[in-house]
Amino acid sequence: GQPKIVNKRWSINQKAMLCRTFGRQNKEHCTKVRTTSSPEGLTLKN
């Protein structure tokens, strides 16, 4: 319902976490990604 598409750069760090930069100081925020019992489900945790 919103026209804007936001383009970001994400990466995988050495600990196999999904990371992105965020905020004015471009601090790196990382999230652990795990599968669930559902084949198409994921749990994201920071």
ModelCIF file with pLDDT and N, C-alpha, C, O atoms, coordinates in Angstrom:
data_MODEL
#
_entry.id   MODEL 
#
_entity.id                         1 
_entity.type                       polymer 
_entity.pdbx_number_of_molecules   1 
#
_entity_poly.entity_id                      1 
_entity_poly.type                           'polypeptide(L)' 
_entity_poly.nstd_linkage                   no 
_entity_poly.nstd_monomer                   no 
_entity_poly.pdbx_seq_one_letter_code       GQPKIVNKRWSINQKAMLCRTFGRQNKEHCTKVRTTSSPEGLTLKN 
_entity_poly.pdbx_seq_one_letter_code_can   GQPKIVNKRWSINQKAMLCRTFGRQNKEHCTKVRTTSSPEGLTLKN 
_entity_poly.pdbx_strand_id                 A 
#
loop_
_entity_poly_seq.entity_id 
_entity_poly_seq.num 
_entity_poly_seq.mon_id 
_entity_poly_seq.hetero 
1 1  GLY n 
1 2  GLN n 
1 3  PRO n 
1 4  LYS n 
1 5  ILE n 
1 6  VAL n 
1 7  ASN n 
1 8  LYS n 
1 9  ARG n 
1 10 TRP n 
1 11 SER n 
1 12 ILE n 
1 13 ASN n 
1 14 GLN n 
1 15 LYS n 
1 16 ALA n 
1 17 MET n 
1 18 LEU n 
1 19 CYS n 
1 20 ARG n 
1 21 THR n 
1 22 PHE n 
1 23 GLY n 
1 24 ARG n 
1 25 GLN n 
1 26 ASN n 
1 27 LYS n 
1 28 GLU n 
1 29 HIS n 
1 30 CYS n 
1 31 THR n 
1 32 LYS n 
1 33 VAL n 
1 34 ARG n 
1 35 THR n 
1 36 THR n 
1 37 SER n 
1 38 SER n 
1 39 PRO n 
1 40 GLU n 
1 41 GLY n 
1 42 LEU n 
1 43 THR n 
1 44 LEU n 
1 45 LYS n 
1 46 ASN n 
#
_struct_asym.id          A 
_struct_asym.entity_id   1 
#
loop_
_ma_qa_metric.id 
_ma_qa_metric.mode 
_ma_qa_metric.name 
_ma_qa_metric.software_group_id 
_ma_qa_metric.type 
1 global pLDDT . pLDDT 
2 local  pLDDT . pLDDT 
#
_ma_qa_metric_global.metric_id      1 
_ma_qa_metric_global.metric_value   84.80 
_ma_qa_metric_global.model_id       1 
_ma_qa_metric_global.ordinal_id     1 
#
loop_
_ma_qa_metric_local.label_asym_id 
_ma_qa_metric_local.label_comp_id 
_ma_qa_metric_local.label_seq_id 
_ma_qa_metric_local.metric_id 
_ma_qa_metric_local.metric_value 
_ma_qa_metric_local.model_id 
_ma_qa_metric_local.ordinal_id 
A GLY 1  2 88.00 1 1  
A GLN 2  2 88.00 1 2  
A PRO 3  2 90.00 1 3  
A LYS 4  2 91.00 1 4  
A ILE 5  2 90.00 1 5  
A VAL 6  2 87.00 1 6  
A ASN 7  2 85.00 1 7  
A LYS 8  2 80.00 1 8  
A ARG 9  2 78.00 1 9  
A TRP 10 2 81.00 1 10 
A SER 11 2 83.00 1 11 
A ILE 12 2 82.00 1 12 
A ASN 13 2 85.00 1 13 
A GLN 14 2 86.00 1 14 
A LYS 15 2 86.00 1 15 
A ALA 16 2 82.00 1 16 
A MET 17 2 88.00 1 17 
A LEU 18 2 87.00 1 18 
A CYS 19 2 86.00 1 19 
A ARG 20 2 82.00 1 20 
A THR 21 2 76.00 1 21 
A PHE 22 2 74.00 1 22 
A GLY 23 2 71.00 1 23 
A ARG 24 2 74.00 1 24 
A GLN 25 2 74.00 1 25 
A ASN 26 2 72.00 1 26 
A LYS 27 2 75.00 1 27 
A GLU 28 2 79.00 1 28 
A HIS 29 2 83.00 1 29 
A CYS 30 2 88.00 1 30 
A THR 31 2 89.00 1 31 
A LYS 32 2 92.00 1 32 
A VAL 33 2 90.00 1 33 
A ARG 34 2 90.00 1 34 
A THR 35 2 89.00 1 35 
A THR 36 2 90.00 1 36 
A SER 37 2 91.00 1 37 
A SER 38 2 89.00 1 38 
A PRO 39 2 86.00 1 39 
A GLU 40 2 90.00 1 40 
A GLY 41 2 92.00 1 41 
A LEU 42 2 90.00 1 42 
A THR 43 2 91.00 1 43 
A LEU 44 2 88.00 1 44 
A LYS 45 2 89.00 1 45 
A ASN 46 2 84.00 1 46 
#
loop_
_atom_site.group_PDB 
_atom_site.id 
_atom_site.type_symbol 
_atom_site.label_atom_id 
_atom_site.label_alt_id 
_atom_site.label_comp_id 
_atom_site.label_asym_id 
_atom_site.label_entity_id 
_atom_site.label_seq_id 
_atom_site.pdbx_PDB_ins_code 
_atom_site.Cartn_x 
_atom_site.Cartn_y 
_atom_site.Cartn_z 
_atom_site.occupancy 
_atom_site.B_iso_or_equiv 
_atom_site.pdbx_formal_charge 
_atom_site.auth_seq_id 
_atom_site.auth_comp_id 
_atom_site.auth_asym_id 
_atom_site.auth_atom_id 
_atom_site.pdbx_PDB_model_num 
ATOM 1   N N  . GLY A 1 1  ? 0.790  -1.221  0.000  1.00 88.00 ? 1  GLY A N  1 
ATOM 2   C CA . GLY A 1 1  ? 0.000  0.000   0.000  1.00 88.00 ? 1  GLY A CA 1 
ATOM 3   C C  . GLY A 1 1  ? 0.823  1.273   0.000  1.00 88.00 ? 1  GLY A C  1 
ATOM 4   O O  . GLY A 1 1  ? 0.268  2.363   -0.138 1.00 88.00 ? 1  GLY A O  1 
ATOM 5   N N  . GLN A 1 2  ? 2.139  1.160   0.152  1.00 88.00 ? 2  GLN A N  1 
ATOM 6   C CA . GLN A 1 2  ? 3.002  2.334   0.094  1.00 88.00 ? 2  GLN A CA 1 
ATOM 7   C C  . GLN A 1 2  ? 3.836  2.269   -1.183 1.00 88.00 ? 2  GLN A C  1 
ATOM 8   O O  . GLN A 1 2  ? 4.343  1.200   -1.523 1.00 88.00 ? 2  GLN A O  1 
ATOM 9   N N  . PRO A 1 3  ? 3.991  3.386   -1.900 1.00 90.00 ? 3  PRO A N  1 
ATOM 10  C CA . PRO A 1 3  ? 4.677  3.345   -3.191 1.00 90.00 ? 3  PRO A CA 1 
ATOM 11  C C  . PRO A 1 3  ? 6.191  3.179   -3.096 1.00 90.00 ? 3  PRO A C  1 
ATOM 12  O O  . PRO A 1 3  ? 6.817  2.718   -4.050 1.00 90.00 ? 3  PRO A O  1 
ATOM 13  N N  . LYS A 1 4  ? 6.784  3.542   -1.976 1.00 91.00 ? 4  LYS A N  1 
ATOM 14  C CA . LYS A 1 4  ? 8.237  3.561   -1.859 1.00 91.00 ? 4  LYS A CA 1 
ATOM 15  C C  . LYS A 1 4  ? 8.819  2.163   -1.660 1.00 91.00 ? 4  LYS A C  1 
ATOM 16  O O  . LYS A 1 4  ? 8.303  1.368   -0.874 1.00 91.00 ? 4  LYS A O  1 
ATOM 17  N N  . ILE A 1 5  ? 9.909  1.877   -2.390 1.00 90.00 ? 5  ILE A N  1 
ATOM 18  C CA . ILE A 1 5  ? 10.703 0.667   -2.181 1.00 90.00 ? 5  ILE A CA 1 
ATOM 19  C C  . ILE A 1 5  ? 12.058 1.124   -1.656 1.00 90.00 ? 5  ILE A C  1 
ATOM 20  O O  . ILE A 1 5  ? 12.721 1.933   -2.305 1.00 90.00 ? 5  ILE A O  1 
ATOM 21  N N  . VAL A 1 6  ? 12.484 0.630   -0.502 1.00 87.00 ? 6  VAL A N  1 
ATOM 22  C CA . VAL A 1 6  ? 13.731 1.035   0.130  1.00 87.00 ? 6  VAL A CA 1 
ATOM 23  C C  . VAL A 1 6  ? 14.821 0.037   -0.255 1.00 87.00 ? 6  VAL A C  1 
ATOM 24  O O  . VAL A 1 6  ? 14.632 -1.175  -0.150 1.00 87.00 ? 6  VAL A O  1 
ATOM 25  N N  . ASN A 1 7  ? 15.961 0.559   -0.702 1.00 85.00 ? 7  ASN A N  1 
ATOM 26  C CA . ASN A 1 7  ? 17.089 -0.271  -1.120 1.00 85.00 ? 7  ASN A CA 1 
ATOM 27  C C  . ASN A 1 7  ? 18.136 -0.251  -0.006 1.00 85.00 ? 7  ASN A C  1 
ATOM 28  O O  . ASN A 1 7  ? 18.635 0.818   0.345  1.00 85.00 ? 7  ASN A O  1 
ATOM 29  N N  . LYS A 1 8  ? 18.476 -1.413  0.553  1.00 80.00 ? 8  LYS A N  1 
ATOM 30  C CA . LYS A 1 8  ? 19.456 -1.533  1.636  1.00 80.00 ? 8  LYS A CA 1 
ATOM 31  C C  . LYS A 1 8  ? 20.554 -2.507  1.232  1.00 80.00 ? 8  LYS A C  1 
ATOM 32  O O  . LYS A 1 8  ? 20.377 -3.307  0.314  1.00 80.00 ? 8  LYS A O  1 
ATOM 33  N N  . ARG A 1 9  ? 21.686 -2.435  1.920  1.00 78.00 ? 9  ARG A N  1 
ATOM 34  C CA . ARG A 1 9  ? 22.760 -3.410  1.759  1.00 78.00 ? 9  ARG A CA 1 
ATOM 35  C C  . ARG A 1 9  ? 22.825 -4.238  3.027  1.00 78.00 ? 9  ARG A C  1 
ATOM 36  O O  . ARG A 1 9  ? 22.949 -3.703  4.128  1.00 78.00 ? 9  ARG A O  1 
ATOM 37  N N  . TRP A 1 10 ? 22.741 -5.526  2.863  1.00 81.00 ? 10 TRP A N  1 
ATOM 38  C CA . TRP A 1 10 ? 22.850 -6.458  3.977  1.00 81.00 ? 10 TRP A CA 1 
ATOM 39  C C  . TRP A 1 10 ? 23.995 -7.406  3.675  1.00 81.00 ? 10 TRP A C  1 
ATOM 40  O O  . TRP A 1 10 ? 24.428 -7.518  2.528  1.00 81.00 ? 10 TRP A O  1 
ATOM 41  N N  . SER A 1 11 ? 24.485 -8.084  4.696  1.00 83.00 ? 11 SER A N  1 
ATOM 42  C CA . SER A 1 11 ? 25.587 -9.022  4.507  1.00 83.00 ? 11 SER A CA 1 
ATOM 43  C C  . SER A 1 11 ? 25.506 -10.112 5.567  1.00 83.00 ? 11 SER A C  1 
ATOM 44  O O  . SER A 1 11 ? 24.721 -10.023 6.512  1.00 83.00 ? 11 SER A O  1 
ATOM 45  N N  . ILE A 1 12 ? 26.315 -11.125 5.399  1.00 82.00 ? 12 ILE A N  1 
ATOM 46  C CA . ILE A 1 12 ? 26.447 -12.196 6.386  1.00 82.00 ? 12 ILE A CA 1 
ATOM 47  C C  . ILE A 1 12 ? 27.825 -12.018 7.035  1.00 82.00 ? 12 ILE A C  1 
ATOM 48  O O  . ILE A 1 12 ? 28.831 -11.951 6.328  1.00 82.00 ? 12 ILE A O  1 
ATOM 49  N N  . ASN A 1 13 ? 27.882 -11.940 8.378  1.00 85.00 ? 13 ASN A N  1 
ATOM 50  C CA . ASN A 1 13 ? 29.174 -11.743 9.041  1.00 85.00 ? 13 ASN A CA 1 
ATOM 51  C C  . ASN A 1 13 ? 29.880 -13.078 9.299  1.00 85.00 ? 13 ASN A C  1 
ATOM 52  O O  . ASN A 1 13 ? 29.395 -14.132 8.888  1.00 85.00 ? 13 ASN A O  1 
ATOM 53  N N  . GLN A 1 14 ? 31.032 -13.024 9.983  1.00 86.00 ? 14 GLN A N  1 
ATOM 54  C CA . GLN A 1 14 ? 31.828 -14.223 10.233 1.00 86.00 ? 14 GLN A CA 1 
ATOM 55  C C  . GLN A 1 14 ? 31.139 -15.226 11.153 1.00 86.00 ? 14 GLN A C  1 
ATOM 56  O O  . GLN A 1 14 ? 31.501 -16.402 11.171 1.00 86.00 ? 14 GLN A O  1 
ATOM 57  N N  . LYS A 1 15 ? 30.148 -14.768 11.914 1.00 86.00 ? 15 LYS A N  1 
ATOM 58  C CA . LYS A 1 15 ? 29.401 -15.658 12.809 1.00 86.00 ? 15 LYS A CA 1 
ATOM 59  C C  . LYS A 1 15 ? 28.123 -16.167 12.144 1.00 86.00 ? 15 LYS A C  1 
ATOM 60  O O  . LYS A 1 15 ? 27.246 -16.708 12.818 1.00 86.00 ? 15 LYS A O  1 
ATOM 61  N N  . ALA A 1 16 ? 28.013 -15.995 10.821 1.00 82.00 ? 16 ALA A N  1 
ATOM 62  C CA . ALA A 1 16 ? 26.851 -16.431 10.036 1.00 82.00 ? 16 ALA A CA 1 
ATOM 63  C C  . ALA A 1 16 ? 25.570 -15.735 10.477 1.00 82.00 ? 16 ALA A C  1 
ATOM 64  O O  . ALA A 1 16 ? 24.497 -16.338 10.479 1.00 82.00 ? 16 ALA A O  1 
ATOM 65  N N  . MET A 1 17 ? 25.687 -14.466 10.848 1.00 88.00 ? 17 MET A N  1 
ATOM 66  C CA . MET A 1 17 ? 24.519 -13.671 11.224 1.00 88.00 ? 17 MET A CA 1 
ATOM 67  C C  . MET A 1 17 ? 24.192 -12.706 10.082 1.00 88.00 ? 17 MET A C  1 
ATOM 68  O O  . MET A 1 17 ? 25.091 -12.229 9.390  1.00 88.00 ? 17 MET A O  1 
ATOM 69  N N  . LEU A 1 18 ? 22.915 -12.426 9.893  1.00 87.00 ? 18 LEU A N  1 
ATOM 70  C CA . LEU A 1 18 ? 22.446 -11.486 8.884  1.00 87.00 ? 18 LEU A CA 1 
ATOM 71  C C  . LEU A 1 18 ? 22.605 -10.072 9.453  1.00 87.00 ? 18 LEU A C  1 
ATOM 72  O O  . LEU A 1 18 ? 22.057 -9.766  10.513 1.00 87.00 ? 18 LEU A O  1 
ATOM 73  N N  . CYS A 1 19 ? 23.356 -9.204  8.751  1.00 86.00 ? 19 CYS A N  1 
ATOM 74  C CA . CYS A 1 19 ? 23.686 -7.878  9.277  1.00 86.00 ? 19 CYS A CA 1 
ATOM 75  C C  . CYS A 1 19 ? 23.318 -6.775  8.291  1.00 86.00 ? 19 CYS A C  1 
ATOM 76  O O  . CYS A 1 19 ? 23.268 -6.988  7.079  1.00 86.00 ? 19 CYS A O  1 
ATOM 77  N N  . ARG A 1 20 ? 23.059 -5.579  8.849  1.00 82.00 ? 20 ARG A N  1 
ATOM 78  C CA . ARG A 1 20 ? 22.839 -4.388  8.039  1.00 82.00 ? 20 ARG A CA 1 
ATOM 79  C C  . ARG A 1 20 ? 23.291 -3.181  8.842  1.00 82.00 ? 20 ARG A C  1 
ATOM 80  O O  . ARG A 1 20 ? 23.324 -3.220  10.072 1.00 82.00 ? 20 ARG A O  1 
ATOM 81  N N  . THR A 1 21 ? 23.638 -2.106  8.139  1.00 76.00 ? 21 THR A N  1 
ATOM 82  C CA . THR A 1 21 ? 23.966 -0.868  8.833  1.00 76.00 ? 21 THR A CA 1 
ATOM 83  C C  . THR A 1 21 ? 22.677 -0.088  9.029  1.00 76.00 ? 21 THR A C  1 
ATOM 84  O O  . THR A 1 21 ? 21.729 -0.217  8.254  1.00 76.00 ? 21 THR A O  1 
ATOM 85  N N  . PHE A 1 22 ? 22.661 0.724   10.081 1.00 74.00 ? 22 PHE A N  1 
ATOM 86  C CA . PHE A 1 22 ? 21.427 1.416   10.433 1.00 74.00 ? 22 PHE A CA 1 
ATOM 87  C C  . PHE A 1 22 ? 21.750 2.703   11.169 1.00 74.00 ? 22 PHE A C  1 
ATOM 88  O O  . PHE A 1 22 ? 22.724 2.762   11.920 1.00 74.00 ? 22 PHE A O  1 
ATOM 89  N N  . GLY A 1 23 ? 20.954 3.721   10.963 1.00 71.00 ? 23 GLY A N  1 
ATOM 90  C CA . GLY A 1 23 ? 21.038 4.965   11.718 1.00 71.00 ? 23 GLY A CA 1 
ATOM 91  C C  . GLY A 1 23 ? 22.078 5.930   11.200 1.00 71.00 ? 23 GLY A C  1 
ATOM 92  O O  . GLY A 1 23 ? 22.779 5.659   10.225 1.00 71.00 ? 23 GLY A O  1 
ATOM 93  N N  . ARG A 1 24 ? 22.162 7.070   11.878 1.00 74.00 ? 24 ARG A N  1 
ATOM 94  C CA . ARG A 1 24 ? 23.074 8.140   11.459 1.00 74.00 ? 24 ARG A CA 1 
ATOM 95  C C  . ARG A 1 24 ? 24.536 7.734   11.516 1.00 74.00 ? 24 ARG A C  1 
ATOM 96  O O  . ARG A 1 24 ? 25.332 8.168   10.683 1.00 74.00 ? 24 ARG A O  1 
ATOM 97  N N  . GLN A 1 25 ? 24.897 6.909   12.485 1.00 74.00 ? 25 GLN A N  1 
ATOM 98  C CA . GLN A 1 25 ? 26.291 6.512   12.651 1.00 74.00 ? 25 GLN A CA 1 
ATOM 99  C C  . GLN A 1 25 ? 26.612 5.205   11.932 1.00 74.00 ? 25 GLN A C  1 
ATOM 100 O O  . GLN A 1 25 ? 27.714 4.677   12.081 1.00 74.00 ? 25 GLN A O  1 
ATOM 101 N N  . ASN A 1 26 ? 25.672 4.678   11.157 1.00 72.00 ? 26 ASN A N  1 
ATOM 102 C CA . ASN A 1 26 ? 25.843 3.427   10.417 1.00 72.00 ? 26 ASN A CA 1 
ATOM 103 C C  . ASN A 1 26 ? 26.357 2.289   11.295 1.00 72.00 ? 26 ASN A C  1 
ATOM 104 O O  . ASN A 1 26 ? 27.268 1.553   10.918 1.00 72.00 ? 26 ASN A O  1 
ATOM 105 N N  . LYS A 1 27 ? 25.752 2.166   12.468 1.00 75.00 ? 27 LYS A N  1 
ATOM 106 C CA . LYS A 1 27 ? 26.102 1.045   13.336 1.00 75.00 ? 27 LYS A CA 1 
ATOM 107 C C  . LYS A 1 27 ? 25.591 -0.245  12.708 1.00 75.00 ? 27 LYS A C  1 
ATOM 108 O O  . LYS A 1 27 ? 24.540 -0.263  12.069 1.00 75.00 ? 27 LYS A O  1 
ATOM 109 N N  . GLU A 1 28 ? 26.338 -1.311  12.896 1.00 79.00 ? 28 GLU A N  1 
ATOM 110 C CA . GLU A 1 28 ? 25.945 -2.592  12.320 1.00 79.00 ? 28 GLU A CA 1 
ATOM 111 C C  . GLU A 1 28 ? 25.012 -3.325  13.272 1.00 79.00 ? 28 GLU A C  1 
ATOM 112 O O  . GLU A 1 28 ? 25.341 -3.536  14.439 1.00 79.00 ? 28 GLU A O  1 
ATOM 113 N N  . HIS A 1 29 ? 23.844 -3.711  12.766 1.00 83.00 ? 29 HIS A N  1 
ATOM 114 C CA . HIS A 1 29 ? 22.875 -4.493  13.526 1.00 83.00 ? 29 HIS A CA 1 
ATOM 115 C C  . HIS A 1 29 ? 22.827 -5.884  12.914 1.00 83.00 ? 29 HIS A C  1 
ATOM 116 O O  . HIS A 1 29 ? 22.654 -6.026  11.703 1.00 83.00 ? 29 HIS A O  1 
ATOM 117 N N  . CYS A 1 30 ? 22.978 -6.915  13.748 1.00 88.00 ? 30 CYS A N  1 
ATOM 118 C CA . CYS A 1 30 ? 23.008 -8.287  13.261 1.00 88.00 ? 30 CYS A CA 1 
ATOM 119 C C  . CYS A 1 30 ? 21.919 -9.117  13.922 1.00 88.00 ? 30 CYS A C  1 
ATOM 120 O O  . CYS A 1 30 ? 21.522 -8.860  15.059 1.00 88.00 ? 30 CYS A O  1 
ATOM 121 N N  . THR A 1 31 ? 21.448 -10.107 13.195 1.00 89.00 ? 31 THR A N  1 
ATOM 122 C CA . THR A 1 31 ? 20.359 -10.963 13.629 1.00 89.00 ? 31 THR A CA 1 
ATOM 123 C C  . THR A 1 31 ? 20.724 -12.417 13.381 1.00 89.00 ? 31 THR A C  1 
ATOM 124 O O  . THR A 1 31 ? 21.223 -12.760 12.310 1.00 89.00 ? 31 THR A O  1 
ATOM 125 N N  . LYS A 1 32 ? 20.477 -13.270 14.364 1.00 92.00 ? 32 LYS A N  1 
ATOM 126 C CA . LYS A 1 32 ? 20.623 -14.707 14.155 1.00 92.00 ? 32 LYS A CA 1 
ATOM 127 C C  . LYS A 1 32 ? 19.423 -15.190 13.362 1.00 92.00 ? 32 LYS A C  1 
ATOM 128 O O  . LYS A 1 32 ? 18.297 -14.757 13.608 1.00 92.00 ? 32 LYS A O  1 
ATOM 129 N N  . VAL A 1 33 ? 19.658 -16.083 12.414 1.00 90.00 ? 33 VAL A N  1 
ATOM 130 C CA . VAL A 1 33 ? 18.586 -16.625 11.593 1.00 90.00 ? 33 VAL A CA 1 
ATOM 131 C C  . VAL A 1 33 ? 18.580 -18.142 11.781 1.00 90.00 ? 33 VAL A C  1 
ATOM 132 O O  . VAL A 1 33 ? 19.597 -18.809 11.593 1.00 90.00 ? 33 VAL A O  1 
ATOM 133 N N  . ARG A 1 34 ? 17.417 -18.670 12.154 1.00 90.00 ? 34 ARG A N  1 
ATOM 134 C CA . ARG A 1 34 ? 17.280 -20.120 12.360 1.00 90.00 ? 34 ARG A CA 1 
ATOM 135 C C  . ARG A 1 34 ? 16.036 -20.614 11.638 1.00 90.00 ? 34 ARG A C  1 
ATOM 136 O O  . ARG A 1 34 ? 15.060 -19.880 11.480 1.00 90.00 ? 34 ARG A O  1 
ATOM 137 N N  . THR A 1 35 ? 16.084 -21.850 11.210 1.00 89.00 ? 35 THR A N  1 
ATOM 138 C CA . THR A 1 35 ? 14.909 -22.451 10.581 1.00 89.00 ? 35 THR A CA 1 
ATOM 139 C C  . THR A 1 35 ? 13.911 -22.856 11.661 1.00 89.00 ? 35 THR A C  1 
ATOM 140 O O  . THR A 1 35 ? 14.266 -22.981 12.833 1.00 89.00 ? 35 THR A O  1 
ATOM 141 N N  . THR A 1 36 ? 12.675 -23.056 11.259 1.00 90.00 ? 36 THR A N  1 
ATOM 142 C CA . THR A 1 36 ? 11.629 -23.520 12.162 1.00 90.00 ? 36 THR A CA 1 
ATOM 143 C C  . THR A 1 36 ? 11.172 -24.895 11.689 1.00 90.00 ? 36 THR A C  1 
ATOM 144 O O  . THR A 1 36 ? 11.739 -25.451 10.748 1.00 90.00 ? 36 THR A O  1 
ATOM 145 N N  . SER A 1 37 ? 10.170 -25.432 12.327 1.00 91.00 ? 37 SER A N  1 
ATOM 146 C CA . SER A 1 37 ? 9.646  -26.736 11.917 1.00 91.00 ? 37 SER A CA 1 
ATOM 147 C C  . SER A 1 37 ? 8.957  -26.661 10.557 1.00 91.00 ? 37 SER A C  1 
ATOM 148 O O  . SER A 1 37 ? 8.834  -27.671 9.864  1.00 91.00 ? 37 SER A O  1 
ATOM 149 N N  . SER A 1 38 ? 8.510  -25.470 10.179 1.00 89.00 ? 38 SER A N  1 
ATOM 150 C CA . SER A 1 38 ? 7.894  -25.257 8.865  1.00 89.00 ? 38 SER A CA 1 
ATOM 151 C C  . SER A 1 38 ? 8.998  -25.073 7.818  1.00 89.00 ? 38 SER A C  1 
ATOM 152 O O  . SER A 1 38 ? 9.952  -24.337 8.071  1.00 89.00 ? 38 SER A O  1 
ATOM 153 N N  . PRO A 1 39 ? 8.897  -25.721 6.649  1.00 86.00 ? 39 PRO A N  1 
ATOM 154 C CA . PRO A 1 39 ? 9.961  -25.594 5.643  1.00 86.00 ? 39 PRO A CA 1 
ATOM 155 C C  . PRO A 1 39 ? 10.170 -24.173 5.132  1.00 86.00 ? 39 PRO A C  1 
ATOM 156 O O  . PRO A 1 39 ? 11.264 -23.841 4.675  1.00 86.00 ? 39 PRO A O  1 
ATOM 157 N N  . GLU A 1 40 ? 9.139  -23.326 5.199  1.00 90.00 ? 40 GLU A N  1 
ATOM 158 C CA . GLU A 1 40 ? 9.298  -21.960 4.717  1.00 90.00 ? 40 GLU A CA 1 
ATOM 159 C C  . GLU A 1 40 ? 9.359  -20.936 5.851  1.00 90.00 ? 40 GLU A C  1 
ATOM 160 O O  . GLU A 1 40 ? 9.245  -19.736 5.601  1.00 90.00 ? 40 GLU A O  1 
ATOM 161 N N  . GLY A 1 41 ? 9.535  -21.385 7.081  1.00 92.00 ? 41 GLY A N  1 
ATOM 162 C CA . GLY A 1 41 ? 9.570  -20.474 8.219  1.00 92.00 ? 41 GLY A CA 1 
ATOM 163 C C  . GLY A 1 41 ? 10.978 -20.220 8.730  1.00 92.00 ? 41 GLY A C  1 
ATOM 164 O O  . GLY A 1 41 ? 11.840 -21.095 8.657  1.00 92.00 ? 41 GLY A O  1 
ATOM 165 N N  . LEU A 1 42 ? 11.208 -19.016 9.250  1.00 90.00 ? 42 LEU A N  1 
ATOM 166 C CA . LEU A 1 42 ? 12.476 -18.635 9.865  1.00 90.00 ? 42 LEU A CA 1 
ATOM 167 C C  . LEU A 1 42 ? 12.198 -17.904 11.171 1.00 90.00 ? 42 LEU A C  1 
ATOM 168 O O  . LEU A 1 42 ? 11.165 -17.252 11.324 1.00 90.00 ? 42 LEU A O  1 
ATOM 169 N N  . THR A 1 43 ? 13.131 -18.021 12.109 1.00 91.00 ? 43 THR A N  1 
ATOM 170 C CA . THR A 1 43 ? 13.111 -17.222 13.317 1.00 91.00 ? 43 THR A CA 1 
ATOM 171 C C  . THR A 1 43 ? 14.284 -16.264 13.231 1.00 91.00 ? 43 THR A C  1 
ATOM 172 O O  . THR A 1 43 ? 15.416 -16.684 12.989 1.00 91.00 ? 43 THR A O  1 
ATOM 173 N N  . LEU A 1 44 ? 14.023 -14.978 13.429 1.00 88.00 ? 44 LEU A N  1 
ATOM 174 C CA . LEU A 1 44 ? 15.054 -13.945 13.432 1.00 88.00 ? 44 LEU A CA 1 
ATOM 175 C C  . LEU A 1 44 ? 15.173 -13.442 14.863 1.00 88.00 ? 44 LEU A C  1 
ATOM 176 O O  . LEU A 1 44 ? 14.170 -13.090 15.483 1.00 88.00 ? 44 LEU A O  1 
ATOM 177 N N  . LYS A 1 45 ? 16.402 -13.406 15.396 1.00 89.00 ? 45 LYS A N  1 
ATOM 178 C CA . LYS A 1 45 ? 16.580 -13.039 16.798 1.00 89.00 ? 45 LYS A CA 1 
ATOM 179 C C  . LYS A 1 45 ? 17.832 -12.186 16.952 1.00 89.00 ? 45 LYS A C  1 
ATOM 180 O O  . LYS A 1 45 ? 18.892 -12.521 16.423 1.00 89.00 ? 45 LYS A O  1 
ATOM 181 N N  . ASN A 1 46 ? 17.699 -11.068 17.688 1.00 84.00 ? 46 ASN A N  1 
ATOM 182 C CA . ASN A 1 46 ? 18.876 -10.294 18.056 1.00 84.00 ? 46 ASN A CA 1 
ATOM 183 C C  . ASN A 1 46 ? 18.903 -10.155 19.575 1.00 84.00 ? 46 ASN A C  1 
ATOM 184 O O  . ASN A 1 46 ? 19.814 -9.534  20.123 1.00 84.00 ? 46 ASN A O  1 
#
